[in-house]
Amino acid sequence: MNEDVQKNKGMAILAYLSWLLLIPLFCAKESRFARFHVGQGITLAIFWACWWVIEIIVGAATGWILFVGPVIGALAALPNIFFLVFAIIGIINAANGEEKPLPIFGKITIIKI
């Protein structure tokens, strides 16, 4: 593995831990490896935040309906498991020194590498 990957594995891992992605975004700007994972982490965070807003709206809209509200709320929360799995996949890729895009939306680029 090259020096950039070895030196910035920790920063790349931070990119998948919610708002901690700001640390490598500003502290590892010169690292191509870290920037790749920051881009993946930002994409993941944006999709996760959008889903969170949808989940809140659905929960608020159906919460007053007896029995149906809790069921719909539970179903709306299921995609959070996928977002967590994607974060774990990203962490594993970063720890292994790989630049693999995340499943489904990993090809979307938010920042330039």
N, C-alpha and C. Protein backbone atom coordinates (compact mmCIF):
# COMPACT_ATOMS: atom_id res chain seq x y z
N MET A 1 0.84 -1.18 0.00
CA MET A 1 0.00 0.00 0.00
C MET A 1 0.88 1.23 0.00
N ASN A 2 0.39 2.26 -0.65
CA ASN A 2 1.21 3.45 -0.71
C ASN A 2 1.12 4.26 0.59
N GLU A 3 1.98 5.24 0.69
CA GLU A 3 2.12 6.02 1.91
C GLU A 3 0.84 6.81 2.24
N ASP A 4 0.18 7.36 1.22
CA ASP A 4 -1.05 8.12 1.44
C ASP A 4 -2.11 7.27 2.13
N VAL A 5 -2.28 6.05 1.67
CA VAL A 5 -3.28 5.15 2.24
C VAL A 5 -2.92 4.82 3.69
N GLN A 6 -1.69 4.44 3.93
CA GLN A 6 -1.27 4.08 5.29
C GLN A 6 -1.41 5.25 6.26
N LYS A 7 -1.05 6.43 5.80
CA LYS A 7 -1.07 7.61 6.66
C LYS A 7 -2.48 8.09 6.96
N ASN A 8 -3.42 7.86 6.06
CA ASN A 8 -4.76 8.45 6.18
C ASN A 8 -5.89 7.45 6.38
N LYS A 9 -5.59 6.22 6.78
CA LYS A 9 -6.65 5.23 7.02
C LYS A 9 -7.60 5.70 8.12
N GLY A 10 -7.05 6.25 9.18
CA GLY A 10 -7.89 6.73 10.29
C GLY A 10 -8.82 7.84 9.85
N MET A 11 -8.30 8.75 9.06
CA MET A 11 -9.13 9.84 8.55
C MET A 11 -10.23 9.30 7.64
N ALA A 12 -9.89 8.31 6.83
CA ALA A 12 -10.88 7.72 5.92
C ALA A 12 -11.99 7.03 6.72
N ILE A 13 -11.64 6.38 7.81
CA ILE A 13 -12.64 5.72 8.65
C ILE A 13 -13.57 6.76 9.28
N LEU A 14 -13.02 7.88 9.73
CA LEU A 14 -13.84 8.94 10.32
C LEU A 14 -14.89 9.47 9.35
N ALA A 15 -14.63 9.36 8.07
CA ALA A 15 -15.54 9.88 7.06
C ALA A 15 -16.91 9.21 7.09
N TYR A 16 -17.01 8.06 7.71
CA TYR A 16 -18.28 7.33 7.75
C TYR A 16 -18.98 7.45 9.10
N LEU A 17 -18.44 8.25 9.98
CA LEU A 17 -19.00 8.37 11.33
C LEU A 17 -19.72 9.70 11.51
N SER A 18 -20.80 9.85 10.78
CA SER A 18 -21.68 11.01 10.88
C SER A 18 -20.92 12.31 10.71
N TRP A 19 -21.10 13.24 11.64
CA TRP A 19 -20.51 14.57 11.50
C TRP A 19 -19.01 14.57 11.72
N LEU A 20 -18.44 13.47 12.17
CA LEU A 20 -16.98 13.39 12.30
C LEU A 20 -16.30 13.46 10.93
N LEU A 21 -17.08 13.32 9.86
CA LEU A 21 -16.49 13.43 8.52
C LEU A 21 -15.92 14.81 8.27
N LEU A 22 -16.29 15.79 9.09
CA LEU A 22 -15.72 17.13 8.95
C LEU A 22 -14.22 17.15 9.27
N ILE A 23 -13.79 16.26 10.15
CA ILE A 23 -12.37 16.22 10.53
C ILE A 23 -11.50 15.88 9.32
N PRO A 24 -11.74 14.75 8.63
CA PRO A 24 -10.91 14.50 7.45
C PRO A 24 -11.17 15.47 6.30
N LEU A 25 -12.37 16.02 6.23
CA LEU A 25 -12.69 16.99 5.18
C LEU A 25 -11.74 18.18 5.25
N PHE A 26 -11.44 18.63 6.46
CA PHE A 26 -10.58 19.80 6.62
C PHE A 26 -9.13 19.46 6.95
N CYS A 27 -8.90 18.32 7.58
CA CYS A 27 -7.54 17.98 8.03
C CYS A 27 -6.75 17.12 7.05
N ALA A 28 -7.42 16.47 6.12
CA ALA A 28 -6.72 15.59 5.18
C ALA A 28 -7.05 15.98 3.74
N LYS A 29 -7.10 17.27 3.48
CA LYS A 29 -7.46 17.77 2.14
C LYS A 29 -6.51 17.28 1.06
N GLU A 30 -5.25 17.10 1.43
CA GLU A 30 -4.24 16.75 0.44
C GLU A 30 -4.22 15.26 0.09
N SER A 31 -4.94 14.46 0.86
CA SER A 31 -4.95 13.02 0.66
C SER A 31 -6.05 12.60 -0.31
N ARG A 32 -5.67 12.00 -1.42
CA ARG A 32 -6.65 11.50 -2.38
C ARG A 32 -7.48 10.39 -1.76
N PHE A 33 -6.84 9.53 -1.00
CA PHE A 33 -7.52 8.40 -0.35
C PHE A 33 -8.58 8.91 0.64
N ALA A 34 -8.21 9.84 1.49
CA ALA A 34 -9.16 10.39 2.47
C ALA A 34 -10.28 11.14 1.76
N ARG A 35 -9.96 11.90 0.71
CA ARG A 35 -10.99 12.65 -0.02
C ARG A 35 -12.01 11.71 -0.66
N PHE A 36 -11.54 10.57 -1.18
CA PHE A 36 -12.47 9.59 -1.75
C PHE A 36 -13.48 9.15 -0.70
N HIS A 37 -12.98 8.79 0.48
CA HIS A 37 -13.87 8.30 1.53
C HIS A 37 -14.72 9.42 2.13
N VAL A 38 -14.21 10.63 2.17
CA VAL A 38 -15.03 11.76 2.60
C VAL A 38 -16.19 11.96 1.62
N GLY A 39 -15.91 11.85 0.34
CA GLY A 39 -16.98 11.96 -0.66
C GLY A 39 -18.04 10.90 -0.47
N GLN A 40 -17.61 9.68 -0.20
CA GLN A 40 -18.57 8.59 0.04
C GLN A 40 -19.35 8.86 1.34
N GLY A 41 -18.65 9.33 2.36
CA GLY A 41 -19.29 9.62 3.64
C GLY A 41 -20.30 10.75 3.54
N ILE A 42 -19.97 11.78 2.76
CA ILE A 42 -20.90 12.90 2.57
C ILE A 42 -22.15 12.42 1.83
N THR A 43 -21.96 11.62 0.80
CA THR A 43 -23.11 11.09 0.05
C THR A 43 -24.00 10.26 0.98
N LEU A 44 -23.38 9.40 1.77
CA LEU A 44 -24.13 8.59 2.73
C LEU A 44 -24.88 9.48 3.72
N ALA A 45 -24.22 10.49 4.25
CA ALA A 45 -24.84 11.38 5.23
C ALA A 45 -26.01 12.15 4.63
N ILE A 46 -25.88 12.59 3.39
CA ILE A 46 -26.97 13.33 2.74
C ILE A 46 -28.19 12.43 2.53
N PHE A 47 -27.97 11.23 2.01
CA PHE A 47 -29.09 10.31 1.81
C PHE A 47 -29.73 9.92 3.14
N TRP A 48 -28.90 9.70 4.16
CA TRP A 48 -29.41 9.33 5.47
C TRP A 48 -30.23 10.47 6.06
N ALA A 49 -29.75 11.71 5.94
CA ALA A 49 -30.48 12.87 6.47
C ALA A 49 -31.81 13.06 5.73
N CYS A 50 -31.80 12.87 4.42
CA CYS A 50 -33.05 12.99 3.65
C CYS A 50 -34.05 11.93 4.10
N TRP A 51 -33.57 10.72 4.30
CA TRP A 51 -34.47 9.66 4.76
C TRP A 51 -35.01 9.97 6.16
N TRP A 52 -34.16 10.54 7.01
CA TRP A 52 -34.57 10.88 8.37
C TRP A 52 -35.71 11.90 8.33
N VAL A 53 -35.62 12.90 7.45
CA VAL A 53 -36.68 13.90 7.31
C VAL A 53 -37.97 13.23 6.83
N ILE A 54 -37.87 12.35 5.85
CA ILE A 54 -39.05 11.63 5.36
C ILE A 54 -39.66 10.79 6.47
N GLU A 55 -38.80 10.14 7.24
CA GLU A 55 -39.26 9.31 8.35
C GLU A 55 -40.03 10.14 9.38
N ILE A 56 -39.55 11.33 9.68
CA ILE A 56 -40.23 12.21 10.64
C ILE A 56 -41.58 12.65 10.09
N ILE A 57 -41.61 13.01 8.81
CA ILE A 57 -42.87 13.45 8.20
C ILE A 57 -43.90 12.32 8.19
N VAL A 58 -43.46 11.13 7.79
CA VAL A 58 -44.37 9.98 7.76
C VAL A 58 -44.85 9.66 9.17
N GLY A 59 -43.94 9.69 10.13
CA GLY A 59 -44.32 9.41 11.52
C GLY A 59 -45.32 10.42 12.05
N ALA A 60 -45.09 11.70 11.75
CA ALA A 60 -46.01 12.74 12.21
C ALA A 60 -47.36 12.63 11.53
N ALA A 61 -47.35 12.28 10.25
CA ALA A 61 -48.61 12.21 9.50
C ALA A 61 -49.45 11.01 9.90
N THR A 62 -48.82 9.94 10.33
CA THR A 62 -49.58 8.72 10.65
C THR A 62 -49.62 8.41 12.14
N GLY A 63 -48.90 9.18 12.93
CA GLY A 63 -48.81 8.89 14.35
C GLY A 63 -50.12 8.95 15.10
N TRP A 64 -51.05 9.73 14.62
CA TRP A 64 -52.35 9.88 15.30
C TRP A 64 -53.29 8.73 15.02
N ILE A 65 -52.99 7.90 14.00
CA ILE A 65 -53.86 6.79 13.65
C ILE A 65 -53.55 5.60 14.57
N LEU A 66 -54.54 5.19 15.33
CA LEU A 66 -54.36 4.12 16.31
C LEU A 66 -53.92 2.83 15.62
N PHE A 67 -52.92 2.20 16.12
CA PHE A 67 -52.33 0.94 15.65
C PHE A 67 -51.57 1.07 14.33
N VAL A 68 -52.06 1.86 13.39
CA VAL A 68 -51.40 1.99 12.09
C VAL A 68 -50.13 2.84 12.19
N GLY A 69 -50.20 3.91 12.97
CA GLY A 69 -49.07 4.81 13.11
C GLY A 69 -47.80 4.12 13.57
N PRO A 70 -47.85 3.34 14.66
CA PRO A 70 -46.63 2.65 15.12
C PRO A 70 -46.09 1.64 14.10
N VAL A 71 -46.97 0.96 13.39
CA VAL A 71 -46.53 -0.02 12.39
C VAL A 71 -45.83 0.69 11.24
N ILE A 72 -46.42 1.77 10.74
CA ILE A 72 -45.81 2.52 9.64
C ILE A 72 -44.50 3.15 10.11
N GLY A 73 -44.48 3.65 11.34
CA GLY A 73 -43.25 4.21 11.89
C GLY A 73 -42.13 3.19 11.97
N ALA A 74 -42.47 1.98 12.38
CA ALA A 74 -41.46 0.91 12.46
C ALA A 74 -40.95 0.53 11.08
N LEU A 75 -41.86 0.44 10.11
CA LEU A 75 -41.45 0.12 8.74
C LEU A 75 -40.59 1.22 8.13
N ALA A 76 -40.92 2.47 8.45
CA ALA A 76 -40.15 3.59 7.93
C ALA A 76 -38.74 3.63 8.53
N ALA A 77 -38.57 3.04 9.69
CA ALA A 77 -37.26 3.02 10.35
C ALA A 77 -36.34 1.93 9.79
N LEU A 78 -36.88 0.95 9.09
CA LEU A 78 -36.07 -0.16 8.58
C LEU A 78 -34.91 0.26 7.67
N PRO A 79 -35.08 1.23 6.77
CA PRO A 79 -33.96 1.63 5.93
C PRO A 79 -32.74 2.14 6.70
N ASN A 80 -32.94 2.56 7.94
CA ASN A 80 -31.80 2.98 8.75
C ASN A 80 -30.79 1.85 8.92
N ILE A 81 -31.27 0.62 8.92
CA ILE A 81 -30.38 -0.54 9.01
C ILE A 81 -29.47 -0.59 7.78
N PHE A 82 -30.03 -0.30 6.61
CA PHE A 82 -29.23 -0.31 5.38
C PHE A 82 -28.17 0.79 5.42
N PHE A 83 -28.54 1.97 5.91
CA PHE A 83 -27.57 3.05 6.00
C PHE A 83 -26.43 2.68 6.96
N LEU A 84 -26.77 2.02 8.05
CA LEU A 84 -25.74 1.56 8.99
C LEU A 84 -24.84 0.52 8.34
N VAL A 85 -25.43 -0.40 7.59
CA VAL A 85 -24.64 -1.41 6.88
C VAL A 85 -23.71 -0.75 5.86
N PHE A 86 -24.20 0.25 5.13
CA PHE A 86 -23.36 0.96 4.17
C PHE A 86 -22.20 1.65 4.86
N ALA A 87 -22.45 2.24 6.04
CA ALA A 87 -21.37 2.89 6.80
C ALA A 87 -20.33 1.86 7.21
N ILE A 88 -20.77 0.69 7.64
CA ILE A 88 -19.85 -0.37 8.04
C ILE A 88 -19.04 -0.84 6.83
N ILE A 89 -19.68 -0.98 5.68
CA ILE A 89 -18.97 -1.37 4.46
C ILE A 89 -17.89 -0.33 4.13
N GLY A 90 -18.25 0.95 4.23
CA GLY A 90 -17.28 2.01 3.98
C GLY A 90 -16.11 1.97 4.95
N ILE A 91 -16.39 1.72 6.22
CA ILE A 91 -15.33 1.64 7.23
C ILE A 91 -14.41 0.47 6.92
N ILE A 92 -14.97 -0.66 6.55
CA ILE A 92 -14.16 -1.84 6.21
C ILE A 92 -13.29 -1.55 4.99
N ASN A 93 -13.87 -0.92 3.97
CA ASN A 93 -13.09 -0.56 2.78
C ASN A 93 -11.94 0.38 3.14
N ALA A 94 -12.23 1.38 3.95
CA ALA A 94 -11.19 2.34 4.36
C ALA A 94 -10.10 1.64 5.18
N ALA A 95 -10.50 0.77 6.09
CA ALA A 95 -9.52 0.06 6.92
C ALA A 95 -8.65 -0.87 6.09
N ASN A 96 -9.19 -1.40 5.00
CA ASN A 96 -8.43 -2.29 4.12
C ASN A 96 -7.64 -1.53 3.06
N GLY A 97 -7.76 -0.20 3.06
CA GLY A 97 -7.02 0.61 2.09
C GLY A 97 -7.59 0.57 0.69
N GLU A 98 -8.88 0.28 0.57
CA GLU A 98 -9.53 0.17 -0.74
C GLU A 98 -10.37 1.39 -1.04
N GLU A 99 -10.50 1.72 -2.30
CA GLU A 99 -11.36 2.81 -2.76
C GLU A 99 -12.52 2.24 -3.55
N LYS A 100 -13.39 1.52 -2.87
CA LYS A 100 -14.57 0.93 -3.50
C LYS A 100 -15.78 1.82 -3.21
N PRO A 101 -16.58 2.12 -4.24
CA PRO A 101 -17.79 2.91 -3.98
C PRO A 101 -18.81 2.11 -3.18
N LEU A 102 -19.60 2.82 -2.40
CA LEU A 102 -20.65 2.18 -1.62
C LEU A 102 -21.74 1.63 -2.54
N PRO A 103 -22.46 0.62 -2.09
CA PRO A 103 -23.56 0.08 -2.90
C PRO A 103 -24.64 1.14 -3.14
N ILE A 104 -25.33 1.04 -4.21
CA ILE A 104 -26.49 1.83 -4.63
C ILE A 104 -26.13 3.27 -5.01
N PHE A 105 -25.63 4.09 -4.08
CA PHE A 105 -25.39 5.49 -4.40
C PHE A 105 -23.92 5.89 -4.31
N GLY A 106 -23.03 4.94 -4.29
CA GLY A 106 -21.60 5.23 -4.19
C GLY A 106 -20.99 5.88 -5.43
N LYS A 107 -21.65 5.77 -6.56
CA LYS A 107 -21.13 6.38 -7.79
C LYS A 107 -21.40 7.88 -7.86
N ILE A 108 -22.24 8.39 -6.97
CA ILE A 108 -22.54 9.82 -6.93
C ILE A 108 -21.36 10.54 -6.29
N THR A 109 -20.85 11.56 -6.98
CA THR A 109 -19.72 12.29 -6.43
C THR A 109 -20.17 13.67 -5.96
N ILE A 110 -19.85 13.97 -4.73
CA ILE A 110 -20.19 15.25 -4.12
C ILE A 110 -18.97 16.17 -4.13
N ILE A 111 -17.80 15.60 -3.85
CA ILE A 111 -16.58 16.40 -3.88
C ILE A 111 -15.63 15.80 -4.92
N LYS A 112 -14.79 16.65 -5.45
CA LYS A 112 -13.84 16.21 -6.46
C LYS A 112 -12.66 15.53 -5.77
N ILE A 113 -12.27 14.39 -6.32
CA ILE A 113 -11.14 13.64 -5.74
C ILE A 113 -9.84 14.22 -6.24
